[in-house]
Amino acid sequence: MNKVILMGRLTRDPEVRYGGANNTAVARYSIAVDRRFKREGDPDADFFNLVSFGRQGEFVEKYLRKGTKIVIDGEIRNNNYTNKEGQMVYGTEIVVNNVEFAESKNAQNAAGYGGADAPSPTTGAGDGFMNIPDGIEDEQLPFN
């Protein structure tokens, strides 16, 4: 079984490219995940590279910005290749299966993350659920 669940903040805005036979979106982004236990001299967080494809990649492009707190689940994949000098380069990335917001837009703004130009879901109705943002159709949601 290959399953990973992470919660953290985007370290930069997603980079999205379109390609392939169906001009599919490929969103690459990274998150910082705070360490649970910290020792003096050790880093406070770990950084993970993520990738989302298709409609989920388009969702990431439209709604996620540097500082957005998200929860993802996905699979760890090797990203190994041979560089121009003929040396093997080893790396890993997480292919995201699901992505969800981990805090409200108000909490994000209060923490000093996000910009005024970043689109966001509308505030919830007080029942613990987040309303779907204006202008997004059901078929565009990554969790259909």
C-alpha atoms as a PDB file:
ATOM      1  CA  MET A   1       0.000   0.000   0.000  1.00  0.00           C
ATOM      2  CA  ASN A   2       1.278   3.450  -0.926  1.00  0.00           C
ATOM      3  CA  LYS A   3      -0.718   6.210   0.821  1.00  0.00           C
ATOM      4  CA  VAL A   4       0.316   9.510   2.330  1.00  0.00           C
ATOM      5  CA  ILE A   5      -1.756  12.185   4.082  1.00  0.00           C
ATOM      6  CA  LEU A   6      -0.239  15.616   4.724  1.00  0.00           C
ATOM      7  CA  MET A   7      -1.395  18.983   6.025  1.00  0.00           C
ATOM      8  CA  GLY A   8       0.657  22.085   5.398  1.00  0.00           C
ATOM      9  CA  ARG A   9       0.970  25.442   3.690  1.00  0.00           C
ATOM     10  CA  LEU A  10       1.951  26.066   0.089  1.00  0.00           C
ATOM     11  CA  THR A  11       5.481  27.425  -0.109  1.00  0.00           C
ATOM     12  CA  ARG A  12       4.870  29.081  -3.484  1.00  0.00           C
ATOM     13  CA  ASP A  13       2.133  29.576  -6.049  1.00  0.00           C
ATOM     14  CA  PRO A  14       1.479  26.440  -8.139  1.00  0.00           C
ATOM     15  CA  GLU A  15       3.146  26.152 -11.544  1.00  0.00           C
ATOM     16  CA  VAL A  16       0.681  24.795 -14.094  1.00  0.00           C
ATOM     17  CA  ARG A  17       1.402  23.571 -17.592  1.00  0.00           C
ATOM     18  CA  TYR A  18      -0.899  22.058 -20.165  1.00  0.00           C
ATOM     19  CA  GLY A  19       0.176  19.226 -22.411  1.00  0.00           C
ATOM     20  CA  GLY A  20      -0.342  15.703 -23.635  1.00  0.00           C
ATOM     21  CA  ALA A  21      -2.920  14.355 -26.038  1.00  0.00           C
ATOM     22  CA  ASN A  22      -5.854  16.038 -24.263  1.00  0.00           C
ATOM     23  CA  ASN A  23      -4.007  19.228 -23.245  1.00  0.00           C
ATOM     24  CA  THR A  24      -4.226  18.086 -19.602  1.00  0.00           C
ATOM     25  CA  ALA A  25      -3.326  20.436 -16.740  1.00  0.00           C
ATOM     26  CA  VAL A  26      -0.291  19.445 -14.666  1.00  0.00           C
ATOM     27  CA  ALA A  27       0.055  21.504 -11.468  1.00  0.00           C
ATOM     28  CA  ARG A  28       3.322  21.338  -9.518  1.00  0.00           C
ATOM     29  CA  TYR A  29       3.504  22.879  -6.064  1.00  0.00           C
ATOM     30  CA  SER A  30       5.063  22.262  -2.679  1.00  0.00           C
ATOM     31  CA  ILE A  31       3.986  22.406   0.938  1.00  0.00           C
ATOM     32  CA  ALA A  32       5.745  22.887   4.250  1.00  0.00           C
ATOM     33  CA  VAL A  33       4.595  20.481   6.956  1.00  0.00           C
ATOM     34  CA  ASP A  34       5.425  21.410  10.544  1.00  0.00           C
ATOM     35  CA  ARG A  35       7.269  18.740  12.498  1.00  0.00           C
ATOM     36  CA  ARG A  36       5.421  17.402  15.478  1.00  0.00           C
ATOM     37  CA  PHE A  37       8.492  17.180  17.696  1.00  0.00           C
ATOM     38  CA  LYS A  38      11.358  19.608  17.297  1.00  0.00           C
ATOM     39  CA  ARG A  39      14.876  19.263  18.612  1.00  0.00           C
ATOM     40  CA  GLU A  40      17.240  22.157  18.934  1.00  0.00           C
ATOM     41  CA  GLY A  41      19.142  22.658  15.692  1.00  0.00           C
ATOM     42  CA  ASP A  42      16.706  20.571  13.613  1.00  0.00           C
ATOM     43  CA  PRO A  43      14.427  22.133  10.989  1.00  0.00           C
ATOM     44  CA  ASP A  44      10.920  23.101  12.101  1.00  0.00           C
ATOM     45  CA  ALA A  45       9.277  21.754   8.940  1.00  0.00           C
ATOM     46  CA  ASP A  46       9.647  19.281   6.104  1.00  0.00           C
ATOM     47  CA  PHE A  47       9.012  20.242   2.479  1.00  0.00           C
ATOM     48  CA  PHE A  48       7.241  18.027  -0.046  1.00  0.00           C
ATOM     49  CA  ASN A  49       6.806  18.377  -3.807  1.00  0.00           C
ATOM     50  CA  LEU A  50       3.277  17.691  -5.051  1.00  0.00           C
ATOM     51  CA  VAL A  51       1.710  17.195  -8.475  1.00  0.00           C
ATOM     52  CA  SER A  52      -1.981  17.247  -9.503  1.00  0.00           C
ATOM     53  CA  PHE A  53      -3.367  16.323 -12.908  1.00  0.00           C
ATOM     54  CA  GLY A  54      -6.429  17.183 -15.004  1.00  0.00           C
ATOM     55  CA  ARG A  55      -9.384  18.945 -13.385  1.00  0.00           C
ATOM     56  CA  GLN A  56      -7.693  18.798 -10.017  1.00  0.00           C
ATOM     57  CA  GLY A  57      -4.686  20.590 -11.544  1.00  0.00           C
ATOM     58  CA  GLU A  58      -7.029  23.288 -12.859  1.00  0.00           C
ATOM     59  CA  PHE A  59      -8.630  23.599  -9.388  1.00  0.00           C
ATOM     60  CA  VAL A  60      -5.178  23.987  -7.816  1.00  0.00           C
ATOM     61  CA  GLU A  61      -4.266  26.669 -10.354  1.00  0.00           C
ATOM     62  CA  LYS A  62      -7.457  28.633  -9.708  1.00  0.00           C
ATOM     63  CA  TYR A  63      -7.814  28.437  -5.923  1.00  0.00           C
ATOM     64  CA  LEU A  64      -4.463  27.712  -4.245  1.00  0.00           C
ATOM     65  CA  ARG A  65      -1.820  30.351  -3.534  1.00  0.00           C
ATOM     66  CA  LYS A  66       1.338  30.631  -1.479  1.00  0.00           C
ATOM     67  CA  GLY A  67       0.399  30.303   2.199  1.00  0.00           C
ATOM     68  CA  THR A  68      -2.875  28.417   1.642  1.00  0.00           C
ATOM     69  CA  LYS A  69      -3.259  25.637   4.219  1.00  0.00           C
ATOM     70  CA  ILE A  70      -4.379  22.367   2.647  1.00  0.00           C
ATOM     71  CA  VAL A  71      -4.801  18.677   3.431  1.00  0.00           C
ATOM     72  CA  ILE A  72      -3.865  16.196   0.725  1.00  0.00           C
ATOM     73  CA  ASP A  73      -3.831  12.472   0.282  1.00  0.00           C
ATOM     74  CA  GLY A  74      -1.840  10.825  -2.412  1.00  0.00           C
ATOM     75  CA  GLU A  75       0.909   8.411  -3.386  1.00  0.00           C
ATOM     76  CA  ILE A  76       4.686   8.766  -3.197  1.00  0.00           C
ATOM     77  CA  ARG A  77       6.385   8.262  -6.553  1.00  0.00           C
ATOM     78  CA  ASN A  78      10.020   8.086  -7.550  1.00  0.00           C
ATOM     79  CA  ASN A  79      11.072  10.878  -9.857  1.00  0.00           C
ATOM     80  CA  ASN A  80      14.474   9.580 -10.958  1.00  0.00           C
ATOM     81  CA  TYR A  81      16.229  10.644 -14.141  1.00  0.00           C
ATOM     82  CA  THR A  82      19.649  10.882 -15.774  1.00  0.00           C
ATOM     83  CA  ASN A  83      20.910  14.458 -16.155  1.00  0.00           C
ATOM     84  CA  LYS A  84      22.900  15.906 -19.076  1.00  0.00           C
ATOM     85  CA  GLU A  85      26.184  14.848 -17.452  1.00  0.00           C
ATOM     86  CA  GLY A  86      25.003  11.221 -17.369  1.00  0.00           C
ATOM     87  CA  GLN A  87      24.562  11.158 -13.589  1.00  0.00           C
ATOM     88  CA  MET A  88      21.505   9.589 -12.001  1.00  0.00           C
ATOM     89  CA  VAL A  89      19.412  12.098 -10.039  1.00  0.00           C
ATOM     90  CA  TYR A  90      17.082  10.690  -7.396  1.00  0.00           C
ATOM     91  CA  GLY A  91      13.951  12.412  -6.191  1.00  0.00           C
ATOM     92  CA  THR A  92      10.430  11.840  -4.987  1.00  0.00           C
ATOM     93  CA  GLU A  93       7.130  13.604  -5.448  1.00  0.00           C
ATOM     94  CA  ILE A  94       3.624  13.050  -4.188  1.00  0.00           C
ATOM     95  CA  VAL A  95       0.905  12.485  -6.772  1.00  0.00           C
ATOM     96  CA  VAL A  96      -2.165  14.039  -5.154  1.00  0.00           C
ATOM     97  CA  ASN A  97      -5.437  12.110  -5.221  1.00  0.00           C
ATOM     98  CA  ASN A  98      -7.469  14.583  -3.133  1.00  0.00           C
ATOM     99  CA  VAL A  99      -6.899  18.139  -1.948  1.00  0.00           C
ATOM    100  CA  GLU A 100      -8.993  20.079   0.559  1.00  0.00           C
ATOM    101  CA  PHE A 101      -8.805  23.457   2.226  1.00  0.00           C
ATOM    102  CA  ALA A 102      -7.639  23.140   5.857  1.00  0.00           C
ATOM    103  CA  GLU A 103      -8.808  26.544   7.077  1.00  0.00           C
ATOM    104  CA  SER A 104     -11.254  29.276   6.203  1.00  0.00           C
ATOM    105  CA  LYS A 105     -10.286  32.293   4.132  1.00  0.00           C
ATOM    106  CA  ASN A 106     -10.794  34.493   7.222  1.00  0.00           C
ATOM    107  CA  ALA A 107      -8.309  32.406   9.239  1.00  0.00           C
ATOM    108  CA  GLN A 108      -5.862  32.517   6.342  1.00  0.00           C
ATOM    109  CA  ASN A 109      -6.093  36.313   6.091  1.00  0.00           C
ATOM    110  CA  ALA A 110      -5.770  36.684   9.882  1.00  0.00           C
ATOM    111  CA  ALA A 111      -2.559  34.646   9.739  1.00  0.00           C
ATOM    112  CA  GLY A 112      -1.194  36.971   7.033  1.00  0.00           C
ATOM    113  CA  TYR A 113      -1.385  34.497   4.134  1.00  0.00           C
ATOM    114  CA  GLY A 114      -3.064  34.884   0.781  1.00  0.00           C
ATOM    115  CA  GLY A 115      -3.640  37.946  -1.295  1.00  0.00           C
ATOM    116  CA  ALA A 116      -6.650  40.046  -2.111  1.00  0.00           C
ATOM    117  CA  ASP A 117      -6.575  38.736  -5.682  1.00  0.00           C
ATOM    118  CA  ALA A 118      -6.772  35.077  -4.639  1.00  0.00           C
ATOM    119  CA  PRO A 119     -10.241  33.654  -5.315  1.00  0.00           C
ATOM    120  CA  SER A 120     -11.786  31.832  -2.407  1.00  0.00           C
ATOM    121  CA  PRO A 121     -14.818  29.817  -1.472  1.00  0.00           C
ATOM    122  CA  THR A 122     -17.602  31.809   0.108  1.00  0.00           C
ATOM    123  CA  THR A 123     -17.998  31.606   3.857  1.00  0.00           C
ATOM    124  CA  GLY A 124     -19.885  28.703   5.347  1.00  0.00           C
ATOM    125  CA  ALA A 125     -23.441  28.830   6.596  1.00  0.00           C
ATOM    126  CA  GLY A 126     -22.335  28.067  10.159  1.00  0.00           C
ATOM    127  CA  ASP A 127     -22.984  24.349   9.758  1.00  0.00           C
ATOM    128  CA  GLY A 128     -19.337  23.352   9.371  1.00  0.00           C
ATOM    129  CA  PHE A 129     -19.475  23.169   5.570  1.00  0.00           C
ATOM    130  CA  MET A 130     -17.886  25.509   3.061  1.00  0.00           C
ATOM    131  CA  ASN A 131     -20.029  26.866   0.224  1.00  0.00           C
ATOM    132  CA  ILE A 132     -18.894  26.270  -3.345  1.00  0.00           C
ATOM    133  CA  PRO A 133     -17.243  29.379  -4.860  1.00  0.00           C
ATOM    134  CA  ASP A 134     -19.285  31.464  -7.278  1.00  0.00           C
ATOM    135  CA  GLY A 135     -18.700  30.709 -10.949  1.00  0.00           C
ATOM    136  CA  ILE A 136     -17.541  27.109 -10.527  1.00  0.00           C
ATOM    137  CA  GLU A 137     -19.565  24.345 -12.108  1.00  0.00           C
ATOM    138  CA  ASP A 138     -20.119  20.917 -10.499  1.00  0.00           C
ATOM    139  CA  GLU A 139     -18.048  19.156 -13.160  1.00  0.00           C
ATOM    140  CA  GLN A 140     -15.040  21.358 -12.260  1.00  0.00           C
ATOM    141  CA  LEU A 141     -14.933  20.179  -8.644  1.00  0.00           C
ATOM    142  CA  PRO A 142     -12.128  17.669  -7.971  1.00  0.00           C
ATOM    143  CA  PHE A 143     -14.186  15.565  -5.566  1.00  0.00           C
ATOM    144  CA  ASN A 144     -17.107  14.548  -7.804  1.00  0.00           C
END
